């Protein structure tokens, strides 16, 4: 009974040690417990949740819906839509067909001011057009 408690305690400590809250996946932890004349070895792998999991809805100020008349005409001349999505100051995208804004990484194509586009593309690579 005592050896079983030692094994349970050791495995619990190993699991807690593996779940340190890091965004990286934890490496397997090997626990060795001596039990009378035999050795019991358990390998415990604990994985942390992925840090890059994004919510289904926007958080923060962007993306946000902006009316056409607030955008430079050069950026929207090819499109008859009345609303667009602002991803960052000077960076725009077409409104999704379903009208749901999502998160910034959902937009792989955007347009706007070249300086803003280049800065934005460093964090969210995608296809872009700029002026």
N, C-alpha and C. Protein backbone atom coordinates (compact mmCIF):
# COMPACT_ATOMS: atom_id res chain seq x y z
N UNK A 1 0.83 -1.19 0.00
CA UNK A 1 0.00 0.00 0.00
C UNK A 1 0.88 1.26 0.00
N UNK A 2 1.94 1.24 0.81
CA UNK A 2 2.84 2.38 0.89
C UNK A 2 3.49 2.64 -0.47
N UNK A 3 3.91 1.60 -1.19
CA UNK A 3 4.55 1.80 -2.50
C UNK A 3 3.57 2.37 -3.51
N UNK A 4 2.31 2.00 -3.41
CA UNK A 4 1.29 2.54 -4.31
C UNK A 4 1.09 4.03 -4.05
N UNK A 5 1.12 4.44 -2.78
CA UNK A 5 0.99 5.86 -2.44
C UNK A 5 2.19 6.65 -2.95
N UNK A 6 3.39 6.08 -2.84
CA UNK A 6 4.58 6.74 -3.35
C UNK A 6 4.49 6.92 -4.86
N UNK A 7 4.05 5.88 -5.55
CA UNK A 7 3.92 5.95 -7.00
C UNK A 7 2.90 7.01 -7.39
N UNK A 8 1.76 7.04 -6.73
CA UNK A 8 0.72 8.03 -7.01
C UNK A 8 1.24 9.43 -6.76
N UNK A 9 1.93 9.64 -5.67
CA UNK A 9 2.47 10.96 -5.34
C UNK A 9 3.51 11.39 -6.38
N UNK A 10 4.38 10.47 -6.79
CA UNK A 10 5.42 10.79 -7.76
C UNK A 10 4.82 11.15 -9.11
N UNK A 11 3.81 10.40 -9.54
CA UNK A 11 3.17 10.69 -10.81
C UNK A 11 2.45 12.04 -10.75
N UNK A 12 1.80 12.34 -9.64
CA UNK A 12 1.12 13.62 -9.48
C UNK A 12 2.11 14.77 -9.57
N UNK A 13 3.24 14.65 -8.91
CA UNK A 13 4.28 15.68 -8.97
C UNK A 13 4.78 15.83 -10.40
N UNK A 14 4.99 14.74 -11.10
CA UNK A 14 5.48 14.79 -12.47
C UNK A 14 4.49 15.48 -13.39
N UNK A 15 3.21 15.19 -13.23
CA UNK A 15 2.19 15.82 -14.05
C UNK A 15 2.14 17.31 -13.77
N UNK A 16 2.17 17.69 -12.50
CA UNK A 16 2.15 19.11 -12.15
C UNK A 16 3.39 19.82 -12.67
N UNK A 17 4.52 19.20 -12.62
CA UNK A 17 5.75 19.79 -13.12
C UNK A 17 5.68 19.98 -14.63
N UNK A 18 5.03 19.07 -15.34
CA UNK A 18 4.90 19.16 -16.79
C UNK A 18 3.91 20.22 -17.22
N UNK A 19 3.00 20.64 -16.37
CA UNK A 19 1.98 21.64 -16.70
C UNK A 19 2.37 22.97 -16.09
N UNK A 20 3.48 23.50 -16.46
CA UNK A 20 3.99 24.73 -15.85
C UNK A 20 3.36 25.98 -16.42
N UNK A 21 2.42 25.85 -17.38
CA UNK A 21 1.77 27.02 -17.97
C UNK A 21 2.53 27.56 -19.17
N UNK A 22 3.57 26.91 -19.58
CA UNK A 22 4.34 27.35 -20.74
C UNK A 22 3.52 27.13 -21.99
N UNK A 23 3.73 27.98 -23.01
CA UNK A 23 3.00 27.80 -24.26
C UNK A 23 3.62 26.70 -25.11
N UNK A 24 4.79 26.22 -24.74
CA UNK A 24 5.41 25.14 -25.48
C UNK A 24 4.95 23.81 -24.92
N UNK A 25 5.01 22.78 -25.75
CA UNK A 25 4.59 21.47 -25.31
C UNK A 25 5.62 20.92 -24.33
N UNK A 26 5.14 20.35 -23.22
CA UNK A 26 6.03 19.84 -22.20
C UNK A 26 6.69 18.54 -22.66
N UNK A 27 7.94 18.35 -22.29
CA UNK A 27 8.66 17.13 -22.63
C UNK A 27 8.21 16.02 -21.69
N UNK A 28 8.32 14.75 -22.12
CA UNK A 28 7.95 13.65 -21.24
C UNK A 28 8.78 13.68 -19.97
N UNK A 29 8.15 13.35 -18.86
CA UNK A 29 8.83 13.32 -17.58
C UNK A 29 8.89 11.87 -17.12
N UNK A 30 10.06 11.39 -16.75
CA UNK A 30 10.20 10.02 -16.28
C UNK A 30 10.31 10.01 -14.77
N UNK A 31 9.50 9.19 -14.13
CA UNK A 31 9.48 9.08 -12.69
C UNK A 31 9.90 7.67 -12.32
N UNK A 32 10.87 7.53 -11.42
CA UNK A 32 11.31 6.21 -10.97
C UNK A 32 11.01 6.07 -9.48
N UNK A 33 10.30 5.00 -9.15
CA UNK A 33 9.95 4.73 -7.76
C UNK A 33 10.47 3.34 -7.41
N UNK A 34 11.23 3.26 -6.32
CA UNK A 34 11.74 1.96 -5.88
C UNK A 34 10.72 1.32 -4.95
N UNK A 35 10.38 0.08 -5.27
CA UNK A 35 9.37 -0.64 -4.51
C UNK A 35 9.95 -2.00 -4.14
N UNK A 36 10.35 -2.14 -2.91
CA UNK A 36 10.97 -3.37 -2.42
C UNK A 36 12.09 -3.80 -3.34
N UNK A 37 11.96 -4.93 -4.01
CA UNK A 37 13.04 -5.49 -4.83
C UNK A 37 12.88 -5.13 -6.30
N UNK A 38 11.83 -4.40 -6.67
CA UNK A 38 11.65 -4.08 -8.08
C UNK A 38 11.56 -2.57 -8.29
N UNK A 39 11.82 -2.13 -9.49
CA UNK A 39 11.74 -0.71 -9.83
C UNK A 39 10.59 -0.50 -10.81
N UNK A 40 9.78 0.49 -10.53
CA UNK A 40 8.65 0.82 -11.39
C UNK A 40 8.98 2.15 -12.07
N UNK A 41 8.91 2.18 -13.40
CA UNK A 41 9.18 3.41 -14.14
C UNK A 41 7.93 3.80 -14.90
N UNK A 42 7.48 5.04 -14.70
CA UNK A 42 6.31 5.57 -15.39
C UNK A 42 6.74 6.77 -16.22
N UNK A 43 6.26 6.88 -17.44
CA UNK A 43 6.52 8.06 -18.25
C UNK A 43 5.21 8.82 -18.39
N UNK A 44 5.25 10.07 -18.00
CA UNK A 44 4.05 10.91 -18.01
C UNK A 44 4.32 12.07 -18.95
N UNK A 45 3.41 12.28 -19.90
CA UNK A 45 3.55 13.40 -20.81
C UNK A 45 2.38 14.34 -20.57
N UNK A 46 2.71 15.58 -20.25
CA UNK A 46 1.69 16.59 -20.02
C UNK A 46 1.83 17.64 -21.09
N UNK A 47 0.73 18.02 -21.70
CA UNK A 47 0.79 19.05 -22.74
C UNK A 47 0.03 20.27 -22.26
N UNK A 48 0.60 21.43 -22.50
CA UNK A 48 -0.06 22.68 -22.17
C UNK A 48 -0.97 23.05 -23.34
N UNK A 49 -2.02 23.83 -23.06
CA UNK A 49 -2.89 24.27 -24.15
C UNK A 49 -2.10 25.21 -25.05
N UNK A 50 -2.44 25.19 -26.32
CA UNK A 50 -1.75 26.03 -27.28
C UNK A 50 -2.03 27.50 -27.00
N UNK A 51 -0.98 28.31 -27.00
CA UNK A 51 -1.12 29.74 -26.72
C UNK A 51 -1.68 30.49 -27.91
N UNK A 52 -1.61 29.90 -29.11
CA UNK A 52 -2.08 30.61 -30.29
C UNK A 52 -3.52 30.30 -30.64
N UNK A 53 -4.26 29.68 -29.74
CA UNK A 53 -5.68 29.46 -29.96
C UNK A 53 -6.37 30.81 -29.89
N UNK A 54 -7.11 31.15 -30.93
CA UNK A 54 -7.73 32.46 -30.97
C UNK A 54 -9.23 32.36 -30.77
N UNK A 55 -9.81 33.36 -30.15
CA UNK A 55 -11.26 33.35 -29.96
C UNK A 55 -11.99 33.50 -31.29
N UNK A 56 -13.24 33.08 -31.33
CA UNK A 56 -14.03 33.15 -32.55
C UNK A 56 -14.50 34.57 -32.82
N UNK A 57 -14.52 35.41 -31.80
CA UNK A 57 -14.99 36.78 -31.97
C UNK A 57 -13.84 37.76 -31.79
N UNK A 58 -13.95 38.95 -32.40
CA UNK A 58 -12.87 39.92 -32.27
C UNK A 58 -12.68 40.38 -30.83
N UNK A 59 -11.44 40.65 -30.49
CA UNK A 59 -11.15 41.21 -29.18
C UNK A 59 -10.38 42.49 -29.42
N UNK A 60 -10.56 43.47 -28.59
CA UNK A 60 -9.88 44.74 -28.78
C UNK A 60 -10.61 45.63 -29.77
N UNK A 61 -9.88 46.60 -30.28
CA UNK A 61 -10.47 47.61 -31.15
C UNK A 61 -10.68 47.13 -32.59
N UNK A 62 -9.84 46.20 -33.06
CA UNK A 62 -9.89 45.74 -34.45
C UNK A 62 -10.14 44.25 -34.50
N UNK A 63 -10.74 43.75 -35.55
CA UNK A 63 -11.30 44.44 -36.71
C UNK A 63 -12.59 45.16 -36.37
N UNK A 64 -12.89 46.18 -37.16
CA UNK A 64 -14.15 46.91 -36.95
C UNK A 64 -14.71 47.32 -38.30
N UNK A 65 -16.01 47.50 -38.34
CA UNK A 65 -16.72 47.88 -39.56
C UNK A 65 -16.60 49.40 -39.74
N UNK A 66 -16.28 49.82 -40.97
CA UNK A 66 -16.23 51.25 -41.29
C UNK A 66 -17.04 51.51 -42.56
N UNK A 67 -17.76 52.63 -42.61
CA UNK A 67 -18.51 52.95 -43.83
C UNK A 67 -17.57 53.39 -44.94
N UNK A 68 -17.99 53.20 -46.15
CA UNK A 68 -17.20 53.52 -47.34
C UNK A 68 -16.71 54.96 -47.35
N UNK A 69 -17.56 55.90 -46.91
CA UNK A 69 -17.18 57.32 -47.00
C UNK A 69 -16.06 57.72 -46.03
N UNK A 70 -15.65 56.85 -45.14
CA UNK A 70 -14.53 57.12 -44.23
C UNK A 70 -13.19 56.59 -44.78
N UNK A 71 -13.23 55.98 -45.96
CA UNK A 71 -12.04 55.37 -46.55
C UNK A 71 -11.64 56.14 -47.80
N UNK A 72 -10.35 56.33 -48.02
CA UNK A 72 -9.83 56.99 -49.21
C UNK A 72 -10.40 56.31 -50.45
N UNK A 73 -10.91 57.08 -51.38
CA UNK A 73 -11.55 56.54 -52.60
C UNK A 73 -10.63 55.64 -53.42
N UNK A 74 -9.32 55.87 -53.38
CA UNK A 74 -8.39 55.02 -54.13
C UNK A 74 -8.48 53.56 -53.68
N UNK A 75 -8.72 53.35 -52.40
CA UNK A 75 -8.72 52.00 -51.84
C UNK A 75 -9.98 51.20 -52.19
N UNK A 76 -11.09 51.89 -52.41
CA UNK A 76 -12.37 51.19 -52.61
C UNK A 76 -13.00 51.44 -53.98
N UNK A 77 -12.27 52.05 -54.91
CA UNK A 77 -12.82 52.40 -56.21
C UNK A 77 -13.31 51.18 -56.99
N UNK A 78 -12.69 50.05 -56.80
CA UNK A 78 -13.04 48.84 -57.56
C UNK A 78 -14.23 48.08 -56.96
N UNK A 79 -14.75 48.53 -55.84
CA UNK A 79 -15.75 47.77 -55.10
C UNK A 79 -16.98 48.64 -54.82
N UNK A 80 -18.16 48.08 -54.98
CA UNK A 80 -19.40 48.82 -54.74
C UNK A 80 -19.95 48.67 -53.32
N UNK A 81 -19.26 47.94 -52.46
CA UNK A 81 -19.76 47.73 -51.09
C UNK A 81 -19.88 49.06 -50.35
N UNK A 82 -20.77 49.10 -49.38
CA UNK A 82 -20.96 50.31 -48.58
C UNK A 82 -20.21 50.25 -47.25
N UNK A 83 -19.77 49.06 -46.86
CA UNK A 83 -19.02 48.89 -45.60
C UNK A 83 -17.80 47.99 -45.84
N UNK A 84 -16.74 48.29 -45.09
CA UNK A 84 -15.52 47.51 -45.15
C UNK A 84 -15.06 47.20 -43.74
N UNK A 85 -14.04 46.39 -43.64
CA UNK A 85 -13.49 46.05 -42.33
C UNK A 85 -12.15 46.75 -42.18
N UNK A 86 -11.98 47.49 -41.09
CA UNK A 86 -10.69 48.11 -40.79
C UNK A 86 -9.92 47.14 -39.90
N UNK A 87 -8.75 46.69 -40.38
CA UNK A 87 -7.93 45.75 -39.62
C UNK A 87 -6.93 46.47 -38.73
N UNK A 88 -6.51 47.64 -39.14
CA UNK A 88 -5.58 48.50 -38.40
C UNK A 88 -5.71 49.87 -39.06
N UNK A 89 -5.19 50.92 -38.45
CA UNK A 89 -5.26 52.23 -39.11
C UNK A 89 -4.60 52.17 -40.49
N UNK A 90 -5.36 52.51 -41.54
CA UNK A 90 -4.84 52.50 -42.90
C UNK A 90 -4.86 51.14 -43.59
N UNK A 91 -5.38 50.10 -42.92
CA UNK A 91 -5.43 48.75 -43.48
C UNK A 91 -6.89 48.28 -43.48
N UNK A 92 -7.38 47.89 -44.66
CA UNK A 92 -8.79 47.51 -44.82
C UNK A 92 -8.93 46.17 -45.53
N UNK A 93 -10.10 45.57 -45.37
CA UNK A 93 -10.44 44.33 -46.06
C UNK A 93 -11.90 44.39 -46.44
N UNK A 94 -12.28 43.54 -47.39
CA UNK A 94 -13.69 43.47 -47.75
C UNK A 94 -14.47 42.82 -46.62
N UNK A 95 -15.72 43.18 -46.50
CA UNK A 95 -16.61 42.60 -45.51
C UNK A 95 -16.80 41.12 -45.84
N UNK A 96 -16.73 40.22 -44.85
CA UNK A 96 -16.98 38.79 -45.11
C UNK A 96 -18.42 38.60 -45.61
N UNK A 97 -18.62 37.61 -46.45
CA UNK A 97 -19.94 37.34 -47.03
C UNK A 97 -21.00 37.09 -45.95
N UNK A 98 -20.58 36.43 -44.85
CA UNK A 98 -21.55 36.13 -43.79
C UNK A 98 -21.72 37.28 -42.80
N UNK A 99 -20.93 38.35 -42.95
CA UNK A 99 -21.05 39.51 -42.07
C UNK A 99 -20.40 39.35 -40.70
N UNK A 100 -19.77 38.21 -40.44
CA UNK A 100 -19.13 37.96 -39.15
C UNK A 100 -17.67 38.42 -39.25
N UNK A 101 -17.25 39.31 -38.35
CA UNK A 101 -15.91 39.88 -38.44
C UNK A 101 -14.79 38.90 -38.13
N UNK A 102 -14.95 38.01 -37.20
CA UNK A 102 -13.89 37.07 -36.87
C UNK A 102 -12.73 37.75 -36.17
N UNK A 103 -11.52 37.26 -36.41
CA UNK A 103 -10.31 37.81 -35.80
C UNK A 103 -9.36 38.26 -36.91
N UNK A 104 -8.33 39.02 -36.55
CA UNK A 104 -7.42 39.59 -37.55
C UNK A 104 -6.79 38.55 -38.45
N UNK A 105 -6.42 37.41 -37.90
CA UNK A 105 -5.76 36.39 -38.73
C UNK A 105 -6.71 35.73 -39.73
N UNK A 106 -8.00 36.02 -39.66
CA UNK A 106 -8.97 35.49 -40.63
C UNK A 106 -8.85 36.18 -41.99
N UNK A 107 -8.23 37.35 -42.03
CA UNK A 107 -8.16 38.14 -43.26
C UNK A 107 -6.80 37.96 -43.92
N UNK A 108 -6.79 37.25 -45.04
CA UNK A 108 -5.51 36.99 -45.71
C UNK A 108 -5.30 37.94 -46.89
N UNK A 109 -6.26 38.79 -47.17
CA UNK A 109 -6.15 39.75 -48.26
C UNK A 109 -6.63 41.11 -47.75
N UNK A 110 -5.82 42.13 -47.96
CA UNK A 110 -6.16 43.45 -47.46
C UNK A 110 -5.57 44.53 -48.35
N UNK A 111 -5.99 45.77 -48.14
CA UNK A 111 -5.56 46.87 -48.98
C UNK A 111 -5.49 48.14 -48.13
N UNK A 112 -4.80 49.16 -48.68
CA UNK A 112 -4.72 50.42 -47.97
C UNK A 112 -3.42 51.15 -48.19
N UNK A 113 -3.03 51.95 -47.21
CA UNK A 113 -1.82 52.76 -47.25
C UNK A 113 -0.58 51.88 -47.17
N UNK A 114 0.37 52.07 -48.06
CA UNK A 114 1.55 51.18 -48.15
C UNK A 114 2.32 51.06 -46.84
N UNK A 115 2.57 52.17 -46.17
CA UNK A 115 3.32 52.12 -44.91
C UNK A 115 2.58 51.26 -43.89
N UNK A 116 1.28 51.46 -43.78
CA UNK A 116 0.49 50.68 -42.83
C UNK A 116 0.44 49.21 -43.23
N UNK A 117 0.31 48.94 -44.53
CA UNK A 117 0.25 47.56 -45.04
C UNK A 117 1.53 46.81 -44.71
N UNK A 118 2.68 47.43 -44.97
CA UNK A 118 3.97 46.76 -44.71
C UNK A 118 4.13 46.45 -43.21
N UNK A 119 3.75 47.38 -42.37
CA UNK A 119 3.83 47.18 -40.92
C UNK A 119 2.87 46.06 -40.49
N UNK A 120 1.65 46.08 -41.02
CA UNK A 120 0.64 45.08 -40.67
C UNK A 120 1.06 43.69 -41.15
N UNK A 121 1.65 43.60 -42.35
CA UNK A 121 2.03 42.31 -42.94
C UNK A 121 3.14 41.61 -42.16
N UNK A 122 3.90 42.35 -41.37
CA UNK A 122 4.92 41.71 -40.54
C UNK A 122 4.30 40.77 -39.52
N UNK A 123 3.12 41.13 -39.02
CA UNK A 123 2.46 40.27 -38.04
C UNK A 123 1.41 39.36 -38.67
N UNK A 124 0.74 39.82 -39.73
CA UNK A 124 -0.31 39.04 -40.38
C UNK A 124 -0.02 38.94 -41.88
N UNK A 125 0.88 38.06 -42.28
CA UNK A 125 1.22 37.95 -43.70
C UNK A 125 -0.01 37.62 -44.57
N UNK A 126 -0.03 38.16 -45.75
CA UNK A 126 -1.14 37.88 -46.65
C UNK A 126 -0.95 38.66 -47.93
N UNK A 127 -1.92 38.55 -48.82
CA UNK A 127 -1.88 39.29 -50.07
C UNK A 127 -2.38 40.69 -49.83
N UNK A 128 -1.74 41.67 -50.47
CA UNK A 128 -2.17 43.04 -50.22
C UNK A 128 -1.97 43.92 -51.45
N UNK A 129 -2.69 45.01 -51.46
CA UNK A 129 -2.56 46.04 -52.48
C UNK A 129 -2.45 47.35 -51.70
N UNK A 130 -1.52 48.20 -52.11
CA UNK A 130 -1.38 49.46 -51.38
C UNK A 130 -1.10 50.61 -52.32
N UNK A 131 -1.34 51.83 -51.83
CA UNK A 131 -1.13 53.05 -52.59
C UNK A 131 -0.29 54.00 -51.78
